[in-house]
Amino acid sequence: MQTLLHMIWREKRDVILSMIAGFLSGLTAVALFAQSGFLISKAALMPPFYIILILTAFLKLFGVVKSTSKYAERYISHRVTFRLLSDIRMRFFTKLEPHANTLFSTYRSGDLLKRITSDVEVLQNFFLRVVYPPFVALLVFIVTILFTTWFSGWIALVLLLGFLLTTLVIPAALMHKEQTPANTKQELATELTEFLYGFLDLQLHHQVQHRQQLLHHISAVYTEEMRQEENAKQLTHTWNQAIALITALLVVLLGAYFVSVDTMEGLYLAMLILISLTVFEAAIPMANVPVYLHEARTATARLEEITEPQPKTQENLHKTADYSISCSHVSFLYAGMSRPALEDISFTIRPNEKIAIIGPSGSGKSTLFQLLIKGLQPTKGTISINEQNLEAVQEESLWQELSIQLQHNHFFSGTIRDNLEIARPEAADAELSQVLKKVQIDKSLDDLIYEKGDNLSGGEKQRLAFARVLLRNSPLWLLDEPFTSIDERTAAKLHKELLAAEEKTVILITHKLQGIEDFDRILVMQDGRLIENGPFEELLKQKGLFYKMKQQSR
């Protein structure tokens, strides 16, 4: 919340202007009705015509000022809100970016979607619904009560008590009923997103109806919670309106009494009654301040939960022409898991070496890959690049020196050219076409690609991803299962392209043994441990796990 207040304070000029405009709008609304009451009472006494004319002119003036100031208040306050919302989004996405590659291992898609959209937008209400109304209501009431004191201290006291009840006592007393948890809304968004993502699989396994029933149940619970929350809001409004009407009734009774005992001139009674009816309009938004405050606190907590500040890395990668990598007693344990994914991994990769890391499915290869690209942090041990601790290296600085191919690569809606230029925006069409030929893709650069590459085969996706690696051409290449969906003949050609990369350190993660005999060394993993390390022929002579895997692959 302090961050939000700080961001609002940065817009202090417009904030102050909007509050001044809101104060003028509220005050002139009260003055307009007060003037009307006074004019009615004065007209009954048949004063000179010019008195009526002056009072009518003031009535018009208050009406014009009220309308103009209301427009200015809405315009300026919403301008502040939109700038605040923009700042919130930029700040959130800036803090979110370093965590982007690990978020889906911790949060479900629907939950993330809700936080990124709904929770961010909830915070736009913080200024308009939490910060702004109390200041305006307080200023309007202070001036009104001071004005009323001139005519009757008792009536001013009644207005003060009504103000305290409507702005403090009633909202505080009913606040707990309005603070319904957001868990059901979050659960609904999460389950609905997963239902849409997995609809085809659910349909193929005849589980659509079961999931629909679950969604209907969650939706019903959420609807009931929203109904209760809306009822609580209406109850607060009802109480505030009741307090306002009771206050006005007390003003009528006290005013009539004071007029009857000649302690107040009857000319002002209608004016004071209309003031008591109008001034509480400024207090109406106060009824929902606790609701919006609670929502803002909840949204802020949920956003900060996924953008918790990590230890600041202060070093850039020491850039050289080639890189070595070493792991020293590295272990990694996923949150909530009892068995480590990696345990006591140690090895060294020399500059320009071509390394294949192999092992059965579930042996920890991809987890090791994520550690090497700093997608994850080791639970124990250290990873160094050119003897520089990877933990102390800024991610962006590291990624600038990497050419990476993941198991699942994203493709954006657009052309093949658009998706290749991600790797090198300045690349000419001739270079892009040449790379397409190298990866055995017979398509035009202008051919369309659907979102997530839905119109591409698995092999085409992997070849386009490898084309990005070739285009980027960084000193250090890391590829995770890059050719699993490609036929052996094409994969062999791509292996040759991989091994032909001169003065590049290449690390290939794979479970396929075809084409790895030409790598400088092979690291063999099993059950999260590195059990073999050496050249192809040497590992065959040892007749260990690698030898058995090679025999089974024939």
Protein backbone atom coordinates (compact mmCIF):
# COMPACT_ATOMS: atom_id res chain seq x y z
CA MET A 1 0.00 0.00 0.00
CA GLN A 2 2.90 2.35 0.65
CA THR A 3 4.00 1.84 -2.95
CA LEU A 4 0.54 2.84 -4.20
CA LEU A 5 0.53 5.95 -2.03
CA HIS A 6 4.00 6.82 -3.30
CA MET A 7 2.83 6.42 -6.92
CA ILE A 8 -0.18 8.66 -6.19
CA TRP A 9 2.08 11.27 -4.60
CA ARG A 10 4.12 11.43 -7.80
CA GLU A 11 0.94 12.77 -9.43
CA LYS A 12 0.41 15.25 -6.58
CA ARG A 13 -0.35 18.21 -8.86
CA ASP A 14 -3.32 16.52 -10.52
CA VAL A 15 -4.32 14.84 -7.25
CA ILE A 16 -4.57 18.21 -5.52
CA LEU A 17 -6.41 19.74 -8.48
CA SER A 18 -8.93 16.88 -8.55
CA MET A 19 -9.54 17.22 -4.81
CA ILE A 20 -10.02 20.97 -5.14
CA ALA A 21 -12.47 20.40 -7.99
CA GLY A 22 -14.27 17.69 -5.99
CA PHE A 23 -14.42 19.97 -2.95
CA LEU A 24 -15.89 22.82 -5.03
CA SER A 25 -18.40 20.46 -6.62
CA GLY A 26 -19.55 19.12 -3.24
CA LEU A 27 -19.60 22.52 -1.57
CA THR A 28 -21.49 24.26 -4.40
CA ALA A 29 -24.04 21.43 -4.39
CA VAL A 30 -24.70 22.18 -0.74
CA ALA A 31 -24.68 25.94 -1.45
CA LEU A 32 -27.11 25.46 -4.34
CA PHE A 33 -29.71 23.79 -2.13
CA ALA A 34 -29.03 26.13 0.76
CA GLN A 35 -29.53 29.11 -1.54
CA SER A 36 -32.74 27.55 -2.86
CA GLY A 37 -34.13 27.14 0.65
CA PHE A 38 -33.15 30.66 1.59
CA LEU A 39 -34.65 32.06 -1.65
CA ILE A 40 -37.96 30.30 -1.02
CA SER A 41 -38.14 31.59 2.53
CA LYS A 42 -37.07 35.10 1.53
CA ALA A 43 -39.54 35.26 -1.36
CA ALA A 44 -42.38 34.49 1.05
CA LEU A 45 -41.61 37.76 2.86
CA MET A 46 -42.11 39.79 -0.38
CA PRO A 47 -38.69 41.56 -0.41
CA PRO A 48 -37.69 44.13 -3.05
CA PHE A 49 -37.37 42.65 -6.53
CA TYR A 50 -33.62 43.27 -6.75
CA ILE A 51 -33.08 41.01 -3.69
CA ILE A 52 -34.84 38.16 -5.50
CA LEU A 53 -32.81 38.96 -8.62
CA ILE A 54 -29.49 38.83 -6.74
CA LEU A 55 -30.41 35.58 -4.98
CA THR A 56 -31.45 34.05 -8.31
CA ALA A 57 -28.15 35.13 -9.89
CA PHE A 58 -26.23 33.42 -7.09
CA LEU A 59 -28.38 30.34 -7.65
CA LYS A 60 -27.34 30.26 -11.31
CA LEU A 61 -23.72 30.88 -10.37
CA PHE A 62 -23.68 27.95 -7.94
CA GLY A 63 -25.26 25.73 -10.60
CA VAL A 64 -22.63 26.63 -13.20
CA VAL A 65 -19.74 26.22 -10.72
CA LYS A 66 -21.15 22.88 -9.55
CA SER A 67 -21.39 21.50 -13.10
CA THR A 68 -18.00 22.84 -14.19
CA SER A 69 -16.17 21.67 -11.09
CA LYS A 70 -17.84 18.25 -11.29
CA TYR A 71 -16.65 17.85 -14.88
CA ALA A 72 -13.14 19.01 -13.94
CA GLU A 73 -13.08 16.65 -10.94
CA ARG A 74 -14.10 13.67 -13.09
CA TYR A 75 -11.66 14.55 -15.87
CA ILE A 76 -8.62 15.15 -13.64
CA SER A 77 -9.28 12.30 -11.19
CA HIS A 78 -9.71 9.78 -14.01
CA ARG A 79 -6.59 11.11 -15.71
CA VAL A 80 -4.72 10.43 -12.47
CA THR A 81 -6.31 6.98 -12.27
CA PHE A 82 -5.34 6.00 -15.81
CA ARG A 83 -1.76 7.16 -15.29
CA LEU A 84 -1.69 5.32 -11.99
CA LEU A 85 -2.99 2.16 -13.66
CA SER A 86 -0.34 2.46 -16.37
CA ASP A 87 2.39 2.87 -13.74
CA ILE A 88 1.06 -0.11 -11.79
CA ARG A 89 1.07 -2.30 -14.90
CA MET A 90 4.58 -1.24 -15.91
CA ARG A 91 5.92 -1.73 -12.39
CA PHE A 92 4.24 -5.13 -12.07
CA PHE A 93 5.43 -6.44 -15.44
CA THR A 94 8.94 -5.11 -14.80
CA LYS A 95 9.05 -7.03 -11.52
CA LEU A 96 7.36 -10.06 -13.10
CA GLU A 97 9.77 -10.38 -16.02
CA PRO A 98 12.68 -11.98 -14.10
CA HIS A 99 10.30 -14.69 -12.81
CA ALA A 100 8.55 -15.40 -16.13
CA ASN A 101 10.44 -18.60 -16.92
CA THR A 102 9.60 -20.23 -13.57
CA LEU A 103 6.05 -19.00 -12.93
CA PHE A 104 4.25 -21.97 -14.51
CA SER A 105 6.10 -24.37 -12.24
CA THR A 106 4.52 -22.60 -9.24
CA TYR A 107 1.20 -21.14 -10.43
CA ARG A 108 -1.56 -22.44 -12.64
CA SER A 109 -2.40 -20.57 -15.85
CA GLY A 110 -5.81 -19.30 -14.74
CA ASP A 111 -4.43 -18.04 -11.45
CA LEU A 112 -1.67 -16.15 -13.24
CA LEU A 113 -4.16 -14.73 -15.74
CA LYS A 114 -6.37 -13.42 -12.95
CA ARG A 115 -3.46 -11.81 -11.13
CA ILE A 116 -2.06 -10.21 -14.28
CA THR A 117 -5.44 -8.79 -15.38
CA SER A 118 -8.06 -8.57 -12.62
CA ASP A 119 -5.77 -7.90 -9.66
CA VAL A 120 -3.92 -5.15 -11.53
CA GLU A 121 -7.18 -3.49 -12.57
CA VAL A 122 -8.57 -3.67 -9.03
CA LEU A 123 -5.83 -1.27 -7.96
CA GLN A 124 -7.21 1.47 -10.21
CA ASN A 125 -9.95 1.92 -7.61
CA PHE A 126 -7.45 2.76 -4.91
CA PHE A 127 -7.33 6.48 -5.68
CA LEU A 128 -10.92 7.01 -6.88
CA ARG A 129 -12.58 4.89 -4.18
CA VAL A 130 -10.18 4.85 -1.21
CA VAL A 131 -7.93 7.93 -1.14
CA TYR A 132 -10.10 10.54 -2.82
CA PRO A 133 -13.57 10.29 -1.13
CA PRO A 134 -12.47 10.78 2.52
CA PHE A 135 -10.60 14.01 1.74
CA VAL A 136 -13.46 15.51 -0.27
CA ALA A 137 -16.13 14.47 2.25
CA LEU A 138 -14.08 15.79 5.17
CA LEU A 139 -13.46 19.17 3.54
CA VAL A 140 -17.11 19.60 2.50
CA PHE A 141 -18.39 18.69 5.96
CA ILE A 142 -15.90 20.91 7.77
CA VAL A 143 -16.93 23.99 5.78
CA THR A 144 -20.64 23.10 6.00
CA ILE A 145 -20.52 22.51 9.77
CA LEU A 146 -18.62 25.77 10.32
CA PHE A 147 -21.22 27.61 8.22
CA THR A 148 -24.08 25.94 10.11
CA THR A 149 -22.51 26.84 13.48
CA TRP A 150 -23.13 30.51 12.63
CA PHE A 151 -26.88 29.86 12.79
CA SER A 152 -27.10 27.04 15.38
CA GLY A 153 -24.39 25.19 17.27
CA TRP A 154 -26.78 22.36 18.13
CA ILE A 155 -27.69 21.73 14.51
CA ALA A 156 -23.99 21.82 13.60
CA LEU A 157 -23.38 19.20 16.32
CA VAL A 158 -26.12 16.98 14.86
CA LEU A 159 -24.50 17.23 11.42
CA LEU A 160 -21.13 16.33 12.93
CA LEU A 161 -22.56 13.26 14.67
CA GLY A 162 -24.27 12.18 11.44
CA PHE A 163 -20.98 12.63 9.56
CA LEU A 164 -19.08 10.47 12.07
CA LEU A 165 -21.74 7.75 11.94
CA THR A 166 -21.89 7.57 8.13
CA THR A 167 -18.17 7.83 7.46
CA LEU A 168 -16.63 5.93 10.37
CA VAL A 169 -18.99 3.98 12.60
CA ILE A 170 -21.29 2.30 10.05
CA PRO A 171 -18.55 1.30 7.52
CA ALA A 172 -16.35 -0.03 10.34
CA ALA A 173 -19.23 -2.01 11.90
CA LEU A 174 -20.21 -3.64 8.60
CA MET A 175 -16.73 -3.95 7.12
CA HIS A 176 -16.23 -7.63 8.06
CA LYS A 177 -19.36 -8.62 6.15
CA GLU A 178 -18.01 -7.07 2.97
CA GLN A 179 -14.59 -8.66 3.06
CA THR A 180 -15.41 -11.92 1.34
CA PRO A 181 -12.38 -13.95 0.30
CA ALA A 182 -11.30 -13.97 -3.34
CA ASN A 183 -10.48 -17.69 -3.27
CA THR A 184 -13.63 -18.77 -5.11
CA LYS A 185 -13.15 -16.23 -7.89
CA GLN A 186 -9.54 -17.34 -8.22
CA GLU A 187 -10.56 -21.00 -8.27
CA LEU A 188 -13.23 -20.32 -10.91
CA ALA A 189 -10.78 -18.48 -13.17
CA THR A 190 -8.18 -21.23 -12.74
CA GLU A 191 -10.54 -24.13 -13.41
CA LEU A 192 -12.20 -22.37 -16.35
CA THR A 193 -8.84 -21.66 -18.01
CA GLU A 194 -7.73 -25.26 -17.53
CA PHE A 195 -11.07 -26.48 -18.89
CA LEU A 196 -10.58 -24.46 -22.10
CA TYR A 197 -6.94 -25.52 -22.49
CA GLY A 198 -7.76 -29.19 -21.96
CA PHE A 199 -11.16 -29.34 -23.64
CA LEU A 200 -10.06 -31.67 -26.44
CA ASP A 201 -8.49 -34.17 -24.01
CA LEU A 202 -11.54 -34.02 -21.75
CA GLN A 203 -13.79 -34.62 -24.75
CA LEU A 204 -11.73 -37.57 -25.97
CA HIS A 205 -11.88 -39.14 -22.49
CA HIS A 206 -15.58 -38.37 -21.93
CA GLN A 207 -14.87 -36.08 -18.96
CA VAL A 208 -16.37 -32.83 -20.27
CA GLN A 209 -19.65 -33.28 -18.40
CA HIS A 210 -17.85 -34.02 -15.12
CA ARG A 211 -15.71 -30.88 -15.43
CA GLN A 212 -18.76 -28.82 -16.42
CA GLN A 213 -20.53 -29.93 -13.26
CA LEU A 214 -17.50 -28.90 -11.22
CA LEU A 215 -17.44 -25.49 -12.93
CA HIS A 216 -21.19 -25.04 -12.38
CA HIS A 217 -20.73 -25.78 -8.68
CA ILE A 218 -17.84 -23.32 -8.30
CA SER A 219 -19.78 -20.72 -10.30
CA ALA A 220 -22.82 -21.15 -8.06
CA VAL A 221 -20.70 -20.70 -4.94
CA TYR A 222 -19.05 -17.62 -6.45
CA THR A 223 -22.43 -16.16 -7.47
CA GLU A 224 -23.72 -16.64 -3.92
CA GLU A 225 -20.65 -14.94 -2.49
CA MET A 226 -21.08 -12.02 -4.88
CA ARG A 227 -24.76 -11.78 -3.93
CA GLN A 228 -23.87 -11.66 -0.25
CA GLU A 229 -21.20 -9.06 -0.91
CA GLU A 230 -23.63 -6.91 -2.90
CA ASN A 231 -26.22 -7.27 -0.13
CA ALA A 232 -23.62 -6.12 2.38
CA LYS A 233 -22.86 -3.08 0.22
CA GLN A 234 -26.55 -2.25 -0.08
CA LEU A 235 -26.95 -2.69 3.68
CA THR A 236 -24.20 -0.14 4.25
CA HIS A 237 -25.88 2.27 1.84
CA THR A 238 -29.21 1.71 3.54
CA TRP A 239 -27.76 2.48 6.95
CA ASN A 240 -26.03 5.58 5.60
CA GLN A 241 -29.26 6.80 4.01
CA ALA A 242 -31.14 6.09 7.22
CA ILE A 243 -28.60 8.06 9.26
CA ALA A 244 -28.80 10.93 6.76
CA LEU A 245 -32.63 11.02 6.95
CA ILE A 246 -32.62 10.76 10.76
CA THR A 247 -30.11 13.61 10.87
CA ALA A 248 -32.34 15.70 8.60
CA LEU A 249 -35.35 14.87 10.80
CA LEU A 250 -33.44 15.99 13.91
CA VAL A 251 -32.52 19.21 12.11
CA VAL A 252 -36.22 19.78 11.34
CA LEU A 253 -37.23 19.14 14.95
CA LEU A 254 -34.43 21.19 16.49
CA GLY A 255 -34.88 23.98 13.96
CA ALA A 256 -38.62 24.14 14.57
CA TYR A 257 -38.03 24.21 18.32
CA PHE A 258 -35.39 26.96 18.11
CA VAL A 259 -37.70 29.03 15.88
CA SER A 260 -40.58 28.56 18.31
CA VAL A 261 -38.51 29.81 21.25
CA ASP A 262 -37.06 32.68 19.15
CA THR A 263 -33.45 31.50 19.40
CA MET A 264 -33.20 31.17 15.61
CA GLU A 265 -34.82 33.17 12.85
CA GLY A 266 -37.35 31.13 10.88
CA LEU A 267 -35.98 32.53 7.63
CA TYR A 268 -33.06 30.09 7.85
CA LEU A 269 -34.98 26.93 8.73
CA ALA A 270 -35.59 25.75 5.13
CA MET A 271 -31.97 26.51 4.27
CA LEU A 272 -30.62 24.39 7.13
CA ILE A 273 -32.98 21.52 6.34
CA LEU A 274 -31.86 21.42 2.69
CA ILE A 275 -28.22 21.63 3.79
CA SER A 276 -28.70 18.56 6.01
CA LEU A 277 -30.30 16.66 3.13
CA THR A 278 -27.59 17.60 0.60
CA VAL A 279 -24.34 17.44 2.56
CA PHE A 280 -24.59 13.70 3.12
CA GLU A 281 -24.26 13.10 -0.63
CA ALA A 282 -20.53 13.67 -0.13
CA ALA A 283 -20.51 10.89 2.47
CA ILE A 284 -22.21 8.26 0.27
CA PRO A 285 -18.93 7.05 -1.40
CA MET A 286 -17.48 6.55 2.09
CA ALA A 287 -19.72 3.51 2.56
CA ASN A 288 -17.62 1.45 0.14
CA VAL A 289 -14.17 2.70 1.17
CA PRO A 290 -13.53 -0.37 3.40
CA VAL A 291 -14.59 -2.69 0.55
CA TYR A 292 -12.23 -1.14 -1.98
CA LEU A 293 -9.47 -0.87 0.60
CA HIS A 294 -9.77 -4.58 1.35
CA GLU A 295 -9.79 -5.42 -2.37
CA ALA A 296 -6.70 -3.26 -2.95
CA ARG A 297 -4.85 -4.91 -0.07
CA THR A 298 -5.77 -8.38 -1.32
CA ALA A 299 -4.76 -7.59 -4.90
CA THR A 300 -1.48 -6.03 -3.77
CA ALA A 301 -0.65 -9.06 -1.63
CA ARG A 302 -1.42 -11.45 -4.51
CA LEU A 303 0.70 -9.47 -6.95
CA GLU A 304 3.61 -9.16 -4.54
CA GLU A 305 3.42 -12.90 -3.90
CA ILE A 306 4.54 -13.64 -7.45
CA THR A 307 7.01 -10.75 -7.66
CA GLU A 308 8.86 -11.22 -4.40
CA PRO A 309 12.19 -9.45 -4.72
CA GLN A 310 15.03 -11.86 -5.36
CA PRO A 311 18.59 -11.22 -4.17
CA LYS A 312 19.86 -8.49 -6.47
CA THR A 313 22.50 -9.70 -8.88
CA GLN A 314 25.08 -6.99 -9.32
CA GLU A 315 27.43 -8.49 -11.87
CA ASN A 316 27.32 -8.62 -15.63
CA LEU A 317 28.70 -11.71 -17.26
CA HIS A 318 32.39 -11.27 -18.04
CA LYS A 319 32.14 -11.57 -21.80
CA THR A 320 34.80 -13.44 -23.77
CA ALA A 321 35.08 -15.20 -27.12
CA ASP A 322 34.42 -18.62 -25.53
CA TYR A 323 33.03 -19.99 -22.30
CA SER A 324 33.61 -22.85 -19.90
CA ILE A 325 30.97 -24.17 -17.49
CA SER A 326 31.42 -26.06 -14.25
CA CYS A 327 28.98 -27.56 -11.76
CA SER A 328 30.19 -28.27 -8.24
CA HIS A 329 28.07 -30.59 -6.06
CA VAL A 330 24.82 -29.20 -7.48
CA SER A 331 21.49 -30.45 -6.12
CA PHE A 332 17.96 -29.27 -6.77
CA LEU A 333 14.66 -30.01 -5.03
CA TYR A 334 11.34 -28.84 -6.44
CA ALA A 335 8.96 -27.24 -3.93
CA GLY A 336 6.64 -29.80 -2.37
CA MET A 337 8.67 -32.77 -3.60
CA SER A 338 10.34 -35.23 -1.22
CA ARG A 339 12.92 -36.58 -3.67
CA PRO A 340 15.51 -34.23 -5.24
CA ALA A 341 15.42 -33.88 -9.02
CA LEU A 342 19.21 -33.51 -9.05
CA GLU A 343 21.71 -34.71 -6.46
CA ASP A 344 25.42 -33.91 -6.15
CA ILE A 345 26.10 -33.14 -9.82
CA SER A 346 29.70 -32.16 -10.64
CA PHE A 347 31.34 -31.71 -14.05
CA THR A 348 33.36 -29.23 -16.12
CA ILE A 349 32.82 -28.26 -19.76
CA ARG A 350 35.81 -26.70 -21.47
CA PRO A 351 35.57 -23.83 -24.00
CA ASN A 352 34.32 -24.89 -27.45
CA GLU A 353 33.54 -28.45 -26.31
CA LYS A 354 30.57 -30.24 -27.83
CA ILE A 355 28.77 -32.04 -24.98
CA ALA A 356 25.77 -34.37 -25.09
CA ILE A 357 23.87 -34.96 -21.85
CA ILE A 358 21.77 -38.12 -22.09
CA GLY A 359 19.70 -40.30 -19.82
CA PRO A 360 16.30 -41.98 -19.49
CA SER A 361 13.15 -39.91 -19.15
CA GLY A 362 12.96 -38.41 -15.66
CA SER A 363 16.69 -38.60 -15.05
CA GLY A 364 16.95 -34.82 -14.44
CA LYS A 365 18.32 -33.66 -17.80
CA SER A 366 15.81 -30.86 -18.33
CA THR A 367 16.14 -29.69 -14.74
CA LEU A 368 19.89 -29.44 -15.22
CA PHE A 369 19.25 -27.51 -18.43
CA GLN A 370 17.07 -25.00 -16.53
CA LEU A 371 19.82 -24.55 -13.95
CA LEU A 372 22.39 -23.89 -16.68
CA ILE A 373 20.27 -21.14 -18.27
CA LYS A 374 19.39 -19.76 -14.81
CA GLY A 375 15.74 -20.64 -15.15
CA LEU A 376 16.10 -22.27 -11.72
CA GLN A 377 18.51 -21.75 -8.85
CA PRO A 378 20.40 -24.71 -7.30
CA THR A 379 19.22 -25.84 -3.90
CA LYS A 380 22.81 -26.72 -3.10
CA GLY A 381 26.15 -26.32 -4.83
CA THR A 382 27.33 -23.76 -7.38
CA ILE A 383 27.33 -23.36 -11.16
CA SER A 384 30.09 -21.24 -12.65
CA ILE A 385 30.67 -19.85 -16.11
CA ASN A 386 34.31 -18.95 -16.73
CA GLU A 387 34.79 -19.28 -12.96
CA GLN A 388 32.11 -16.61 -12.35
CA ASN A 389 29.35 -17.77 -10.02
CA LEU A 390 26.16 -17.95 -12.07
CA GLU A 391 24.06 -16.91 -9.07
CA ALA A 392 25.77 -13.49 -9.08
CA VAL A 393 25.24 -12.93 -12.82
CA GLN A 394 22.33 -10.87 -14.14
CA GLU A 395 19.98 -13.02 -16.22
CA GLU A 396 19.85 -10.60 -19.15
CA SER A 397 23.64 -10.44 -19.26
CA LEU A 398 23.83 -14.24 -19.37
CA TRP A 399 21.08 -14.70 -21.97
CA GLN A 400 22.79 -12.26 -24.34
CA GLU A 401 25.56 -14.84 -24.71
CA LEU A 402 23.28 -17.87 -25.10
CA SER A 403 21.56 -19.49 -28.05
CA ILE A 404 18.80 -21.56 -26.46
CA GLN A 405 16.32 -24.10 -27.77
CA LEU A 406 13.75 -25.32 -25.27
CA GLN A 407 11.71 -28.50 -25.41
CA HIS A 408 8.58 -26.46 -26.10
CA ASN A 409 9.13 -23.22 -27.98
CA HIS A 410 6.52 -20.54 -28.48
CA PHE A 411 5.52 -19.29 -31.90
CA PHE A 412 3.64 -16.04 -32.35
CA SER A 413 0.80 -15.30 -34.71
CA GLY A 414 2.44 -13.82 -37.81
CA THR A 415 4.76 -14.90 -40.60
CA ILE A 416 7.80 -17.17 -40.56
CA ARG A 417 9.87 -14.02 -40.98
CA ASP A 418 8.34 -12.48 -37.85
CA ASN A 419 9.12 -15.58 -35.81
CA LEU A 420 12.70 -15.84 -37.05
CA GLU A 421 13.46 -12.16 -36.52
CA ILE A 422 12.95 -12.72 -32.79
CA ALA A 423 16.44 -14.25 -32.80
CA ARG A 424 18.00 -11.47 -34.87
CA PRO A 425 15.77 -8.50 -35.79
CA GLU A 426 18.33 -7.00 -38.15
CA ALA A 427 18.73 -10.17 -40.25
CA ALA A 428 18.16 -9.71 -43.99
CA ASP A 429 15.70 -11.87 -45.92
CA ALA A 430 18.55 -13.62 -47.75
CA GLU A 431 20.05 -14.75 -44.44
CA LEU A 432 16.68 -15.90 -43.15
CA SER A 433 16.05 -17.91 -46.32
CA GLN A 434 19.49 -19.49 -46.06
CA VAL A 435 18.82 -20.60 -42.50
CA LEU A 436 15.48 -22.10 -43.55
CA LYS A 437 17.33 -24.23 -46.10
CA LYS A 438 19.82 -25.38 -43.48
CA VAL A 439 17.02 -26.65 -41.25
CA GLN A 440 15.27 -28.37 -44.18
CA ILE A 441 12.14 -26.16 -44.25
CA ASP A 442 10.70 -25.58 -47.72
CA LYS A 443 8.48 -22.58 -46.94
CA SER A 444 8.32 -18.91 -47.82
CA LEU A 445 9.24 -16.26 -45.29
CA ASP A 446 5.75 -14.79 -45.79
CA ASP A 447 3.92 -18.01 -44.94
CA LEU A 448 1.61 -17.54 -41.96
CA ILE A 449 2.10 -19.14 -38.57
CA TYR A 450 -0.89 -19.43 -36.25
CA GLU A 451 -0.73 -18.64 -32.56
CA LYS A 452 1.40 -21.24 -30.74
CA GLY A 453 2.30 -22.67 -34.16
CA ASP A 454 -0.94 -24.63 -34.42
CA ASN A 455 -0.55 -25.02 -38.19
CA LEU A 456 2.98 -26.48 -37.86
CA SER A 457 3.94 -30.08 -37.27
CA GLY A 458 6.08 -31.00 -34.28
CA GLY A 459 9.11 -31.42 -36.52
CA GLU A 460 8.57 -28.04 -38.20
CA LYS A 461 8.37 -26.35 -34.81
CA GLN A 462 11.67 -27.91 -33.73
CA ARG A 463 13.39 -27.02 -36.99
CA LEU A 464 12.19 -23.40 -36.79
CA ALA A 465 13.39 -23.24 -33.19
CA PHE A 466 16.78 -24.58 -34.30
CA ALA A 467 16.81 -21.93 -37.04
CA ARG A 468 16.57 -19.32 -34.29
CA VAL A 469 19.62 -20.87 -32.63
CA LEU A 470 21.58 -20.68 -35.87
CA LEU A 471 20.52 -17.09 -36.43
CA ARG A 472 21.41 -15.97 -32.95
CA ASN A 473 24.84 -17.61 -33.25
CA SER A 474 25.95 -16.84 -29.69
CA PRO A 475 29.17 -18.26 -28.18
CA LEU A 476 27.28 -20.73 -25.97
CA TRP A 477 24.57 -23.05 -27.33
CA LEU A 478 22.18 -25.00 -25.09
CA LEU A 479 19.52 -27.24 -26.64
CA ASP A 480 16.98 -29.34 -24.77
CA GLU A 481 15.64 -32.32 -26.78
CA PRO A 482 15.78 -30.31 -30.03
CA PHE A 483 15.17 -33.10 -32.57
CA THR A 484 12.79 -35.55 -30.90
CA SER A 485 9.99 -35.01 -33.47
CA ILE A 486 12.27 -35.08 -36.53
CA ASP A 487 12.99 -38.10 -38.70
CA GLU A 488 16.45 -39.67 -38.31
CA ARG A 489 17.72 -38.58 -41.73
CA THR A 490 16.87 -34.89 -41.14
CA ALA A 491 18.05 -35.09 -37.52
CA ALA A 492 21.44 -36.38 -38.72
CA LYS A 493 21.82 -33.34 -41.00
CA LEU A 494 20.90 -30.99 -38.16
CA HIS A 495 23.41 -32.73 -35.89
CA LYS A 496 26.07 -31.95 -38.47
CA GLU A 497 25.03 -28.29 -38.43
CA LEU A 498 25.27 -28.36 -34.65
CA LEU A 499 28.73 -29.92 -34.60
CA ALA A 500 29.94 -27.64 -37.39
CA ALA A 501 29.51 -24.60 -35.18
CA GLU A 502 33.09 -23.43 -34.83
CA GLU A 503 34.35 -21.78 -31.65
CA LYS A 504 31.05 -22.50 -29.91
CA THR A 505 30.47 -24.32 -26.64
CA VAL A 506 27.54 -26.66 -27.37
CA ILE A 507 25.46 -28.55 -24.80
CA LEU A 508 22.82 -30.91 -26.16
CA ILE A 509 20.22 -32.51 -23.87
CA THR A 510 18.74 -35.64 -25.47
CA HIS A 511 17.50 -39.15 -24.80
CA LYS A 512 18.12 -40.20 -28.43
CA LEU A 513 21.53 -41.75 -29.05
CA GLN A 514 21.62 -41.34 -32.82
CA GLY A 515 24.28 -38.88 -33.93
CA ILE A 516 26.02 -38.33 -30.58
CA GLU A 517 29.13 -40.39 -31.40
CA ASP A 518 30.88 -37.29 -32.79
CA PHE A 519 30.44 -35.23 -29.62
CA ASP A 520 33.58 -34.56 -27.59
CA ARG A 521 32.06 -36.02 -24.43
CA ILE A 522 28.86 -37.58 -23.22
CA LEU A 523 27.41 -37.09 -19.73
CA VAL A 524 25.08 -39.89 -18.67
CA MET A 525 22.41 -39.22 -16.01
CA GLN A 526 20.13 -41.53 -14.09
CA ASP A 527 17.71 -40.77 -11.21
CA GLY A 528 19.06 -37.26 -10.80
CA ARG A 529 22.71 -38.30 -10.63
CA LEU A 530 25.61 -38.04 -13.07
CA ILE A 531 26.86 -41.60 -13.30
CA GLU A 532 29.09 -41.58 -16.41
CA ASN A 533 31.22 -38.95 -18.14
CA GLY A 534 33.52 -39.45 -21.11
CA PRO A 535 33.95 -39.80 -24.91
CA PHE A 536 31.70 -42.13 -26.88
CA GLU A 537 34.17 -45.00 -27.33
CA GLU A 538 35.36 -44.84 -23.73
CA LEU A 539 31.81 -45.13 -22.39
CA LEU A 540 31.16 -48.14 -24.62
CA LYS A 541 34.25 -49.86 -23.23
CA GLN A 542 33.02 -49.29 -19.65
CA LYS A 543 29.86 -51.29 -20.48
CA GLY A 544 27.78 -49.29 -18.01
CA LEU A 545 24.41 -47.59 -18.46
CA PHE A 546 25.40 -45.91 -21.70
CA TYR A 547 26.46 -49.22 -23.19
CA LYS A 548 23.11 -50.77 -22.21
CA MET A 549 21.18 -47.83 -23.67
CA LYS A 550 23.15 -48.12 -26.91
CA GLN A 551 22.46 -51.82 -27.14
CA GLN A 552 18.73 -51.28 -26.58
CA SER A 553 18.56 -48.57 -29.24
CA ARG A 554 19.77 -50.88 -32.01
